[in-house]
PDB file of all heavy atoms in Angstrom:
ATOM      1  N   ASP A   1      94.813 114.511 112.613  1.00  0.00           N
ATOM      2  CA  ASP A   1      93.672 113.622 112.427  1.00  0.00           C
ATOM      3  C   ASP A   1      94.220 112.199 112.397  1.00  0.00           C
ATOM      4  O   ASP A   1      94.654 111.698 111.359  1.00  0.00           O
ATOM      5  CB  ASP A   1      92.940 113.944 111.138  1.00  0.00           C
ATOM      6  CG  ASP A   1      91.683 113.105 110.969  1.00  0.00           C
ATOM      7  OD1 ASP A   1      91.435 112.216 111.802  1.00  0.00           O
ATOM      8  OD2 ASP A   1      90.952 113.347 109.987  1.00  0.00           O
ATOM      9  N   THR A   2      94.202 111.554 113.541  1.00  0.00           N
ATOM     10  CA  THR A   2      94.780 110.217 113.717  1.00  0.00           C
ATOM     11  C   THR A   2      93.724 109.117 113.701  1.00  0.00           C
ATOM     12  O   THR A   2      94.051 107.941 113.888  1.00  0.00           O
ATOM     13  CB  THR A   2      95.525 110.150 115.062  1.00  0.00           C
ATOM     14  OG1 THR A   2      94.607 110.491 116.112  1.00  0.00           O
ATOM     15  CG2 THR A   2      96.691 111.122 115.101  1.00  0.00           C
ATOM     16  N   LEU A   3      92.474 109.474 113.467  1.00  0.00           N
ATOM     17  CA  LEU A   3      91.376 108.544 113.715  1.00  0.00           C
ATOM     18  C   LEU A   3      91.425 107.301 112.828  1.00  0.00           C
ATOM     19  O   LEU A   3      91.177 106.182 113.295  1.00  0.00           O
ATOM     20  CB  LEU A   3      90.036 109.262 113.544  1.00  0.00           C
ATOM     21  CG  LEU A   3      88.823 108.569 114.149  1.00  0.00           C
ATOM     22  CD1 LEU A   3      89.014 108.331 115.639  1.00  0.00           C
ATOM     23  CD2 LEU A   3      87.564 109.388 113.905  1.00  0.00           C
ATOM     24  N   GLU A   4      91.746 107.470 111.548  1.00  0.00           N
ATOM     25  CA  GLU A   4      91.767 106.312 110.639  1.00  0.00           C
ATOM     26  C   GLU A   4      92.848 105.313 111.042  1.00  0.00           C
ATOM     27  O   GLU A   4      92.612 104.097 111.036  1.00  0.00           O
ATOM     28  CB  GLU A   4      91.983 106.780 109.201  1.00  0.00           C
ATOM     29  CG  GLU A   4      90.791 107.476 108.574  1.00  0.00           C
ATOM     30  CD  GLU A   4      89.708 106.499 108.140  1.00  0.00           C
ATOM     31  OE1 GLU A   4      89.921 105.279 108.231  1.00  0.00           O
ATOM     32  OE2 GLU A   4      88.647 106.973 107.712  1.00  0.00           O
ATOM     33  N   ASP A   5      94.028 105.808 111.404  1.00  0.00           N
ATOM     34  CA  ASP A   5      95.096 104.894 111.828  1.00  0.00           C
ATOM     35  C   ASP A   5      94.752 104.217 113.146  1.00  0.00           C
ATOM     36  O   ASP A   5      95.076 103.031 113.351  1.00  0.00           O
ATOM     37  CB  ASP A   5      96.429 105.640 111.947  1.00  0.00           C
ATOM     38  CG  ASP A   5      97.082 105.876 110.592  1.00  0.00           C
ATOM     39  OD1 ASP A   5      96.783 105.126 109.644  1.00  0.00           O
ATOM     40  OD2 ASP A   5      97.901 106.816 110.484  1.00  0.00           O
ATOM     41  N   LEU A   6      94.112 104.943 114.052  1.00  0.00           N
ATOM     42  CA  LEU A   6      93.676 104.333 115.306  1.00  0.00           C
ATOM     43  C   LEU A   6      92.629 103.249 115.050  1.00  0.00           C
ATOM     44  O   LEU A   6      92.685 102.163 115.624  1.00  0.00           O
ATOM     45  CB  LEU A   6      93.119 105.403 116.255  1.00  0.00           C
ATOM     46  CG  LEU A   6      94.151 106.318 116.897  1.00  0.00           C
ATOM     47  CD1 LEU A   6      93.458 107.501 117.571  1.00  0.00           C
ATOM     48  CD2 LEU A   6      95.010 105.562 117.910  1.00  0.00           C
ATOM     49  N   LYS A   7      91.686 103.551 114.168  1.00  0.00           N
ATOM     50  CA  LYS A   7      90.652 102.563 113.840  1.00  0.00           C
ATOM     51  C   LYS A   7      91.270 101.321 113.220  1.00  0.00           C
ATOM     52  O   LYS A   7      90.932 100.181 113.588  1.00  0.00           O
ATOM     53  CB  LYS A   7      89.625 103.169 112.880  1.00  0.00           C
ATOM     54  CG  LYS A   7      88.469 102.223 112.551  1.00  0.00           C
ATOM     55  CD  LYS A   7      87.788 102.586 111.237  1.00  0.00           C
ATOM     56  CE  LYS A   7      88.673 102.188 110.062  1.00  0.00           C
ATOM     57  NZ  LYS A   7      87.989 102.306 108.753  1.00  0.00           N
ATOM     58  N   ASP A   8      92.173 101.497 112.282  1.00  0.00           N
ATOM     59  CA  ASP A   8      92.796 100.350 111.621  1.00  0.00           C
ATOM     60  C   ASP A   8      93.593  99.510 112.613  1.00  0.00           C
ATOM     61  O   ASP A   8      93.601  98.269 112.537  1.00  0.00           O
ATOM     62  CB  ASP A   8      93.711 100.829 110.493  1.00  0.00           C
ATOM     63  CG  ASP A   8      92.935 101.411 109.316  1.00  0.00           C
ATOM     64  OD1 ASP A   8      91.695 101.243 109.271  1.00  0.00           O
ATOM     65  OD2 ASP A   8      93.577 102.042 108.445  1.00  0.00           O
ATOM     66  N   SER A   9      94.245 100.172 113.560  1.00  0.00           N
ATOM     67  CA  SER A   9      95.032  99.441 114.559  1.00  0.00           C
ATOM     68  C   SER A   9      94.125  98.703 115.537  1.00  0.00           C
ATOM     69  O   SER A   9      94.401  97.560 115.921  1.00  0.00           O
ATOM     70  CB  SER A   9      95.956 100.409 115.303  1.00  0.00           C
ATOM     71  OG  SER A   9      96.916 100.976 114.416  1.00  0.00           O
ATOM     72  N   VAL A  10      93.048  99.360 115.952  1.00  0.00           N
ATOM     73  CA  VAL A  10      92.064  98.694 116.816  1.00  0.00           C
ATOM     74  C   VAL A  10      91.514  97.452 116.119  1.00  0.00           C
ATOM     75  O   VAL A  10      91.428  96.365 116.713  1.00  0.00           O
ATOM     76  CB  VAL A  10      90.913  99.656 117.184  1.00  0.00           C
ATOM     77  CG1 VAL A  10      89.717  98.880 117.752  1.00  0.00           C
ATOM     78  CG2 VAL A  10      91.383 100.683 118.204  1.00  0.00           C
ATOM     79  N   ASN A  11      91.165  97.587 114.850  1.00  0.00           N
ATOM     80  CA  ASN A  11      90.556  96.466 114.148  1.00  0.00           C
ATOM     81  C   ASN A  11      91.550  95.355 113.835  1.00  0.00           C
ATOM     82  O   ASN A  11      91.165  94.175 113.743  1.00  0.00           O
ATOM     83  CB  ASN A  11      89.850  96.956 112.889  1.00  0.00           C
ATOM     84  CG  ASN A  11      88.542  97.654 113.213  1.00  0.00           C
ATOM     85  OD1 ASN A  11      87.904  97.349 114.224  1.00  0.00           O
ATOM     86  ND2 ASN A  11      88.145  98.603 112.383  1.00  0.00           N
ATOM     87  N   TYR A  12      92.802  95.699 113.699  1.00  0.00           N
ATOM     88  CA  TYR A  12      93.830  94.660 113.572  1.00  0.00           C
ATOM     89  C   TYR A  12      93.842  93.802 114.840  1.00  0.00           C
ATOM     90  O   TYR A  12      93.865  92.559 114.768  1.00  0.00           O
ATOM     91  CB  TYR A  12      95.198  95.290 113.345  1.00  0.00           C
ATOM     92  CG  TYR A  12      96.337  94.308 113.543  1.00  0.00           C
ATOM     93  CD1 TYR A  12      96.672  93.392 112.547  1.00  0.00           C
ATOM     94  CD2 TYR A  12      97.058  94.275 114.742  1.00  0.00           C
ATOM     95  CE1 TYR A  12      97.704  92.475 112.732  1.00  0.00           C
ATOM     96  CE2 TYR A  12      98.085  93.366 114.934  1.00  0.00           C
ATOM     97  CZ  TYR A  12      98.401  92.472 113.932  1.00  0.00           C
ATOM     98  OH  TYR A  12      99.415  91.561 114.127  1.00  0.00           O
ATOM     99  N   ILE A  13      93.814  94.472 115.999  1.00  0.00           N
ATOM    100  CA  ILE A  13      93.843  93.753 117.273  1.00  0.00           C
ATOM    101  C   ILE A  13      92.543  92.986 117.504  1.00  0.00           C
ATOM    102  O   ILE A  13      92.547  91.843 117.969  1.00  0.00           O
ATOM    103  CB  ILE A  13      94.097  94.741 118.439  1.00  0.00           C
ATOM    104  CG1 ILE A  13      95.487  95.379 118.282  1.00  0.00           C
ATOM    105  CG2 ILE A  13      93.982  94.025 119.781  1.00  0.00           C
ATOM    106  CD1 ILE A  13      96.631  94.403 118.261  1.00  0.00           C
ATOM    107  N   MET A  14      91.419  93.608 117.182  1.00  0.00           N
ATOM    108  CA  MET A  14      90.140  92.914 117.340  1.00  0.00           C
ATOM    109  C   MET A  14      90.121  91.637 116.495  1.00  0.00           C
ATOM    110  O   MET A  14      89.682  90.578 116.955  1.00  0.00           O
ATOM    111  CB  MET A  14      88.969  93.824 116.931  1.00  0.00           C
ATOM    112  CG  MET A  14      88.751  95.040 117.815  1.00  0.00           C
ATOM    113  SD  MET A  14      88.373  94.665 119.534  1.00  0.00           S
ATOM    114  CE  MET A  14      89.855  95.318 120.317  1.00  0.00           C
ATOM    115  N   GLY A  15      90.601  91.733 115.255  1.00  0.00           N
ATOM    116  CA  GLY A  15      90.639  90.569 114.388  1.00  0.00           C
ATOM    117  C   GLY A  15      91.580  89.493 114.894  1.00  0.00           C
ATOM    118  O   GLY A  15      91.268  88.297 114.836  1.00  0.00           O
ATOM    119  N   LYS A  16      92.720  89.907 115.412  1.00  0.00           N
ATOM    120  CA  LYS A  16      93.704  88.951 115.915  1.00  0.00           C
ATOM    121  C   LYS A  16      93.143  88.123 117.060  1.00  0.00           C
ATOM    122  O   LYS A  16      93.452  86.925 117.188  1.00  0.00           O
ATOM    123  CB  LYS A  16      94.957  89.698 116.366  1.00  0.00           C
ATOM    124  CG  LYS A  16      96.048  88.793 116.919  1.00  0.00           C
ATOM    125  CD  LYS A  16      97.306  89.581 117.288  1.00  0.00           C
ATOM    126  CE  LYS A  16      98.369  88.640 117.862  1.00  0.00           C
ATOM    127  NZ  LYS A  16      99.625  89.373 118.197  1.00  0.00           N
ATOM    128  N   TYR A  17      92.301  88.737 117.884  1.00  0.00           N
ATOM    129  CA  TYR A  17      91.757  88.049 119.055  1.00  0.00           C
ATOM    130  C   TYR A  17      90.328  87.543 118.838  1.00  0.00           C
ATOM    131  O   TYR A  17      89.679  87.087 119.783  1.00  0.00           O
ATOM    132  CB  TYR A  17      91.822  88.968 120.279  1.00  0.00           C
ATOM    133  CG  TYR A  17      93.235  89.105 120.822  1.00  0.00           C
ATOM    134  CD1 TYR A  17      94.129  90.003 120.263  1.00  0.00           C
ATOM    135  CD2 TYR A  17      93.671  88.292 121.872  1.00  0.00           C
ATOM    136  CE1 TYR A  17      95.430  90.119 120.743  1.00  0.00           C
ATOM    137  CE2 TYR A  17      94.965  88.408 122.354  1.00  0.00           C
ATOM    138  CZ  TYR A  17      95.839  89.324 121.781  1.00  0.00           C
ATOM    139  OH  TYR A  17      97.133  89.423 122.259  1.00  0.00           O
ATOM    140  N   GLY A  18      89.829  87.657 117.619  1.00  0.00           N
ATOM    141  CA  GLY A  18      88.516  87.108 117.301  1.00  0.00           C
ATOM    142  C   GLY A  18      87.350  87.921 117.796  1.00  0.00           C
ATOM    143  O   GLY A  18      86.236  87.384 117.957  1.00  0.00           O
ATOM    144  N   PHE A  19      87.550  89.227 118.012  1.00  0.00           N
ATOM    145  CA  PHE A  19      86.471  90.093 118.474  1.00  0.00           C
ATOM    146  C   PHE A  19      85.901  90.899 117.306  1.00  0.00           C
ATOM    147  O   PHE A  19      86.568  91.091 116.284  1.00  0.00           O
ATOM    148  CB  PHE A  19      86.983  91.053 119.551  1.00  0.00           C
ATOM    149  CG  PHE A  19      87.342  90.383 120.850  1.00  0.00           C
ATOM    150  CD1 PHE A  19      88.389  90.864 121.635  1.00  0.00           C
ATOM    151  CD2 PHE A  19      86.630  89.285 121.310  1.00  0.00           C
ATOM    152  CE1 PHE A  19      88.726  90.255 122.839  1.00  0.00           C
ATOM    153  CE2 PHE A  19      86.947  88.672 122.510  1.00  0.00           C
ATOM    154  CZ  PHE A  19      88.000  89.159 123.279  1.00  0.00           C
ATOM    155  N   PRO A  20      84.680  91.417 117.454  1.00  0.00           N
ATOM    156  CA  PRO A  20      84.071  92.206 116.373  1.00  0.00           C
ATOM    157  C   PRO A  20      84.866  93.476 116.084  1.00  0.00           C
ATOM    158  O   PRO A  20      85.421  94.103 116.991  1.00  0.00           O
ATOM    159  CB  PRO A  20      82.686  92.548 116.935  1.00  0.00           C
ATOM    160  CG  PRO A  20      82.425  91.534 118.005  1.00  0.00           C
ATOM    161  CD  PRO A  20      83.758  91.219 118.595  1.00  0.00           C
ATOM    162  N   ARG A  21      84.908  93.851 114.812  1.00  0.00           N
ATOM    163  CA  ARG A  21      85.570  95.082 114.407  1.00  0.00           C
ATOM    164  C   ARG A  21      84.758  96.293 114.866  1.00  0.00           C
ATOM    165  O   ARG A  21      83.552  96.190 115.087  1.00  0.00           O
ATOM    166  CB  ARG A  21      85.746  95.123 112.886  1.00  0.00           C
ATOM    167  CG  ARG A  21      86.730  94.077 112.365  1.00  0.00           C
ATOM    168  CD  ARG A  21      86.645  93.949 110.857  1.00  0.00           C
ATOM    169  NE  ARG A  21      86.986  95.205 110.192  1.00  0.00           N
ATOM    170  CZ  ARG A  21      88.225  95.577 109.869  1.00  0.00           C
ATOM    171  NH1 ARG A  21      89.249  94.795 110.187  1.00  0.00           N
ATOM    172  NH2 ARG A  21      88.446  96.718 109.249  1.00  0.00           N
ATOM    173  N   ARG A  22      85.426  97.431 114.983  1.00  0.00           N
ATOM    174  CA  ARG A  22      84.775  98.657 115.427  1.00  0.00           C
ATOM    175  C   ARG A  22      84.691  99.670 114.286  1.00  0.00           C
ATOM    176  O   ARG A  22      85.595  99.766 113.459  1.00  0.00           O
ATOM    177  CB  ARG A  22      85.547  99.277 116.596  1.00  0.00           C
ATOM    178  CG  ARG A  22      85.530  98.400 117.857  1.00  0.00           C
ATOM    179  CD  ARG A  22      84.107  98.174 118.336  1.00  0.00           C
ATOM    180  NE  ARG A  22      84.060  97.351 119.554  1.00  0.00           N
ATOM    181  CZ  ARG A  22      82.934  96.989 120.150  1.00  0.00           C
ATOM    182  NH1 ARG A  22      81.765  97.379 119.646  1.00  0.00           N
ATOM    183  NH2 ARG A  22      82.960  96.240 121.235  1.00  0.00           N
ATOM    184  N   THR A  23      83.595 100.420 114.254  1.00  0.00           N
ATOM    185  CA  THR A  23      83.423 101.446 113.229  1.00  0.00           C
ATOM    186  C   THR A  23      84.244 102.684 113.588  1.00  0.00           C
ATOM    187  O   THR A  23      84.730 102.832 114.719  1.00  0.00           O
ATOM    188  CB  THR A  23      81.955 101.853 113.104  1.00  0.00           C
ATOM    189  OG1 THR A  23      81.556 102.529 114.321  1.00  0.00           O
ATOM    190  CG2 THR A  23      81.065 100.644 112.862  1.00  0.00           C
ATOM    191  N   LEU A  24      84.355 103.570 112.624  1.00  0.00           N
ATOM    192  CA  LEU A  24      85.075 104.824 112.856  1.00  0.00           C
ATOM    193  C   LEU A  24      84.438 105.614 113.981  1.00  0.00           C
ATOM    194  O   LEU A  24      85.147 106.170 114.843  1.00  0.00           O
ATOM    195  CB  LEU A  24      85.092 105.654 111.564  1.00  0.00           C
ATOM    196  CG  LEU A  24      86.060 106.846 111.551  1.00  0.00           C
ATOM    197  CD1 LEU A  24      87.504 106.355 111.542  1.00  0.00           C
ATOM    198  CD2 LEU A  24      85.798 107.714 110.322  1.00  0.00           C
ATOM    199  N   GLU A  25      83.111 105.652 114.017  1.00  0.00           N
ATOM    200  CA  GLU A  25      82.433 106.415 115.064  1.00  0.00           C
ATOM    201  C   GLU A  25      82.606 105.781 116.431  1.00  0.00           C
ATOM    202  O   GLU A  25      82.719 106.485 117.449  1.00  0.00           O
ATOM    203  CB  GLU A  25      80.949 106.563 114.723  1.00  0.00           C
ATOM    204  CG  GLU A  25      80.674 107.571 113.632  1.00  0.00           C
ATOM    205  CD  GLU A  25      81.320 108.921 113.900  1.00  0.00           C
ATOM    206  OE1 GLU A  25      81.104 109.470 114.997  1.00  0.00           O
ATOM    207  OE2 GLU A  25      82.044 109.418 113.024  1.00  0.00           O
ATOM    208  N   GLU A  26      82.642 104.457 116.492  1.00  0.00           N
ATOM    209  CA  GLU A  26      82.878 103.790 117.770  1.00  0.00           C
ATOM    210  C   GLU A  26      84.265 104.103 118.300  1.00  0.00           C
ATOM    211  O   GLU A  26      84.447 104.352 119.500  1.00  0.00           O
ATOM    212  CB  GLU A  26      82.694 102.277 117.609  1.00  0.00           C
ATOM    213  CG  GLU A  26      81.247 101.855 117.483  1.00  0.00           C
ATOM    214  CD  GLU A  26      81.086 100.384 117.175  1.00  0.00           C
ATOM    215  OE1 GLU A  26      81.963  99.812 116.477  1.00  0.00           O
ATOM    216  OE2 GLU A  26      80.094  99.792 117.633  1.00  0.00           O
ATOM    217  N   VAL A  27      85.244 104.113 117.418  1.00  0.00           N
ATOM    218  CA  VAL A  27      86.607 104.451 117.836  1.00  0.00           C
ATOM    219  C   VAL A  27      86.684 105.920 118.231  1.00  0.00           C
ATOM    220  O   VAL A  27      87.332 106.277 119.220  1.00  0.00           O
ATOM    221  CB  VAL A  27      87.614 104.118 116.714  1.00  0.00           C
ATOM    222  CG1 VAL A  27      89.015 104.602 117.084  1.00  0.00           C
ATOM    223  CG2 VAL A  27      87.636 102.618 116.450  1.00  0.00           C
ATOM    224  N   ARG A  28      85.990 106.780 117.498  1.00  0.00           N
ATOM    225  CA  ARG A  28      85.975 108.208 117.831  1.00  0.00           C
ATOM    226  C   ARG A  28      85.479 108.419 119.268  1.00  0.00           C
ATOM    227  O   ARG A  28      86.051 109.203 120.023  1.00  0.00           O
ATOM    228  CB  ARG A  28      85.073 108.968 116.860  1.00  0.00           C
ATOM    229  CG  ARG A  28      85.052 110.487 117.100  1.00  0.00           C
ATOM    230  CD  ARG A  28      83.934 111.135 116.299  1.00  0.00           C
ATOM    231  NE  ARG A  28      84.053 110.888 114.887  1.00  0.00           N
ATOM    232  CZ  ARG A  28      84.783 111.615 114.053  1.00  0.00           C
ATOM    233  NH1 ARG A  28      85.461 112.651 114.511  1.00  0.00           N
ATOM    234  NH2 ARG A  28      84.830 111.323 112.766  1.00  0.00           N
ATOM    235  N   ARG A  29      84.422 107.717 119.622  1.00  0.00           N
ATOM    236  CA  ARG A  29      83.869 107.870 120.967  1.00  0.00           C
ATOM    237  C   ARG A  29      84.771 107.275 122.044  1.00  0.00           C
ATOM    238  O   ARG A  29      84.697 107.679 123.205  1.00  0.00           O
ATOM    239  CB  ARG A  29      82.474 107.221 121.039  1.00  0.00           C
ATOM    240  CG  ARG A  29      81.412 107.937 120.227  1.00  0.00           C
ATOM    241  CD  ARG A  29      80.017 107.456 120.601  1.00  0.00           C
ATOM    242  NE  ARG A  29      79.826 106.039 120.286  1.00  0.00           N
ATOM    243  CZ  ARG A  29      79.350 105.590 119.132  1.00  0.00           C
ATOM    244  NH1 ARG A  29      79.035 106.446 118.169  1.00  0.00           N
ATOM    245  NH2 ARG A  29      79.185 104.288 118.935  1.00  0.00           N
ATOM    246  N   ALA A  30      85.612 106.327 121.656  1.00  0.00           N
ATOM    247  CA  ALA A  30      86.425 105.607 122.629  1.00  0.00           C
ATOM    248  C   ALA A  30      87.761 106.288 122.931  1.00  0.00           C
ATOM    249  O   ALA A  30      88.387 105.988 123.947  1.00  0.00           O
ATOM    250  CB  ALA A  30      86.692 104.180 122.138  1.00  0.00           C
ATOM    251  N   VAL A  31      88.202 107.210 122.076  1.00  0.00           N
ATOM    252  CA  VAL A  31      89.506 107.838 122.286  1.00  0.00           C
ATOM    253  C   VAL A  31      89.391 108.988 123.288  1.00  0.00           C
ATOM    254  O   VAL A  31      88.304 109.483 123.574  1.00  0.00           O
ATOM    255  CB  VAL A  31      90.099 108.370 120.959  1.00  0.00           C
ATOM    256  CG1 VAL A  31      90.342 107.227 119.992  1.00  0.00           C
ATOM    257  CG2 VAL A  31      89.192 109.427 120.341  1.00  0.00           C
ATOM    258  N   GLY A  32      90.547 109.396 123.826  1.00  0.00           N
ATOM    259  CA  GLY A  32      90.586 110.570 124.694  1.00  0.00           C
ATOM    260  C   GLY A  32      91.257 110.344 126.027  1.00  0.00           C
ATOM    261  O   GLY A  32      91.736 111.291 126.648  1.00  0.00           O
ATOM    262  N   ASN A  33      91.300 109.095 126.464  1.00  0.00           N
ATOM    263  CA  ASN A  33      91.879 108.807 127.778  1.00  0.00           C
ATOM    264  C   ASN A  33      93.070 107.853 127.706  1.00  0.00           C
ATOM    265  O   ASN A  33      93.379 107.170 128.671  1.00  0.00           O
ATOM    266  CB  ASN A  33      90.813 108.221 128.708  1.00  0.00           C
ATOM    267  CG  ASN A  33      89.703 109.204 129.015  1.00  0.00           C
ATOM    268  OD1 ASN A  33      88.683 109.234 128.313  1.00  0.00           O
ATOM    269  ND2 ASN A  33      89.889 110.022 130.033  1.00  0.00           N
ATOM    270  N   GLY A  34      93.721 107.812 126.556  1.00  0.00           N
ATOM    271  CA  GLY A  34      94.881 106.951 126.402  1.00  0.00           C
ATOM    272  C   GLY A  34      94.536 105.636 125.715  1.00  0.00           C
ATOM    273  O   GLY A  34      93.372 105.258 125.579  1.00  0.00           O
ATOM    274  N   ILE A  35      95.597 104.933 125.258  1.00  0.00           N
ATOM    275  CA  ILE A  35      95.409 103.724 124.468  1.00  0.00           C
ATOM    276  C   ILE A  35      94.819 102.580 125.287  1.00  0.00           C
ATOM    277  O   ILE A  35      93.971 101.824 124.798  1.00  0.00           O
ATOM    278  CB  ILE A  35      96.747 103.288 123.833  1.00  0.00           C
ATOM    279  CG1 ILE A  35      97.231 104.352 122.835  1.00  0.00           C
ATOM    280  CG2 ILE A  35      96.597 101.945 123.127  1.00  0.00           C
ATOM    281  CD1 ILE A  35      96.290 104.588 121.683  1.00  0.00           C
ATOM    282  N   ARG A  36      95.254 102.410 126.524  1.00  0.00           N
ATOM    283  CA  ARG A  36      94.719 101.310 127.332  1.00  0.00           C
ATOM    284  C   ARG A  36      93.202 101.450 127.474  1.00  0.00           C
ATOM    285  O   ARG A  36      92.458 100.475 127.370  1.00  0.00           O
ATOM    286  CB  ARG A  36      95.394 101.272 128.698  1.00  0.00           C
ATOM    287  CG  ARG A  36      94.940 100.077 129.549  1.00  0.00           C
ATOM    288  CD  ARG A  36      95.713  99.966 130.839  1.00  0.00           C
ATOM    289  NE  ARG A  36      97.006  99.309 130.680  1.00  0.00           N
ATOM    290  CZ  ARG A  36      98.176  99.937 130.619  1.00  0.00           C
ATOM    291  NH1 ARG A  36      98.231 101.251 130.705  1.00  0.00           N
ATOM    292  NH2 ARG A  36      99.292  99.259 130.479  1.00  0.00           N
ATOM    293  N   LYS A  37      92.747 102.681 127.715  1.00  0.00           N
ATOM    294  CA  LYS A  37      91.300 102.913 127.838  1.00  0.00           C
ATOM    295  C   LYS A  37      90.599 102.693 126.486  1.00  0.00           C
ATOM    296  O   LYS A  37      89.461 102.196 126.459  1.00  0.00           O
ATOM    297  CB  LYS A  37      91.039 104.327 128.346  1.00  0.00           C
ATOM    298  CG  LYS A  37      89.579 104.630 128.654  1.00  0.00           C
ATOM    299  CD  LYS A  37      89.029 103.741 129.748  1.00  0.00           C
ATOM    300  CE  LYS A  37      89.642 104.069 131.097  1.00  0.00           C
ATOM    301  NZ  LYS A  37      88.978 103.308 132.183  1.00  0.00           N
ATOM    302  N   LEU A  38      91.265 103.024 125.393  1.00  0.00           N
ATOM    303  CA  LEU A  38      90.710 102.772 124.067  1.00  0.00           C
ATOM    304  C   LEU A  38      90.466 101.276 123.864  1.00  0.00           C
ATOM    305  O   LEU A  38      89.407 100.870 123.361  1.00  0.00           O
ATOM    306  CB  LEU A  38      91.665 103.295 122.989  1.00  0.00           C
ATOM    307  CG  LEU A  38      91.374 102.902 121.542  1.00  0.00           C
ATOM    308  CD1 LEU A  38      90.015 103.408 121.092  1.00  0.00           C
ATOM    309  CD2 LEU A  38      92.475 103.423 120.612  1.00  0.00           C
ATOM    310  N   ILE A  39      91.421 100.455 124.277  1.00  0.00           N
ATOM    311  CA  ILE A  39      91.259  99.008 124.155  1.00  0.00           C
ATOM    312  C   ILE A  39      90.130  98.521 125.061  1.00  0.00           C
ATOM    313  O   ILE A  39      89.287  97.717 124.653  1.00  0.00           O
ATOM    314  CB  ILE A  39      92.572  98.280 124.491  1.00  0.00           C
ATOM    315  CG1 ILE A  39      93.693  98.714 123.529  1.00  0.00           C
ATOM    316  CG2 ILE A  39      92.378  96.763 124.435  1.00  0.00           C
ATOM    317  CD1 ILE A  39      93.412  98.454 122.083  1.00  0.00           C
ATOM    318  N   GLU A  40      90.093  99.015 126.291  1.00  0.00           N
ATOM    319  CA  GLU A  40      89.034  98.615 127.228  1.00  0.00           C
ATOM    320  C   GLU A  40      87.652  98.921 126.667  1.00  0.00           C
ATOM    321  O   GLU A  40      86.698  98.146 126.851  1.00  0.00           O
ATOM    322  CB  GLU A  40      89.211  99.351 128.556  1.00  0.00           C
ATOM    323  CG  GLU A  40      90.405  98.897 129.381  1.00  0.00           C
ATOM    324  CD  GLU A  40      90.544  99.717 130.654  1.00  0.00           C
ATOM    325  OE1 GLU A  40      89.618 100.497 130.966  1.00  0.00           O
ATOM    326  OE2 GLU A  40      91.577  99.589 131.327  1.00  0.00           O
ATOM    327  N   ARG A  41      87.522 100.061 126.008  1.00  0.00           N
ATOM    328  CA  ARG A  41      86.233 100.474 125.466  1.00  0.00           C
ATOM    329  C   ARG A  41      85.888  99.753 124.164  1.00  0.00           C
ATOM    330  O   ARG A  41      84.725  99.799 123.719  1.00  0.00           O
ATOM    331  CB  ARG A  41      86.237 101.984 125.247  1.00  0.00           C
ATOM    332  CG  ARG A  41      86.265 102.784 126.547  1.00  0.00           C
ATOM    333  CD  ARG A  41      86.569 104.250 126.287  1.00  0.00           C
ATOM    334  NE  ARG A  41      86.492 105.038 127.518  1.00  0.00           N
ATOM    335  CZ  ARG A  41      86.960 106.287 127.636  1.00  0.00           C
ATOM    336  NH1 ARG A  41      87.523 106.885 126.595  1.00  0.00           N
ATOM    337  NH2 ARG A  41      86.847 106.936 128.782  1.00  0.00           N
TER     338      ARG A  41
END
């Protein structure tokens, strides 16, 4: 169960670049096709 760490890492990057943070469910829907696709989504 990697979802919480993925969410925290996504939100670290979103915050660094001034973009809105993502919820756990948004990250859940975005995973599955690799990290680059996770960032794109």
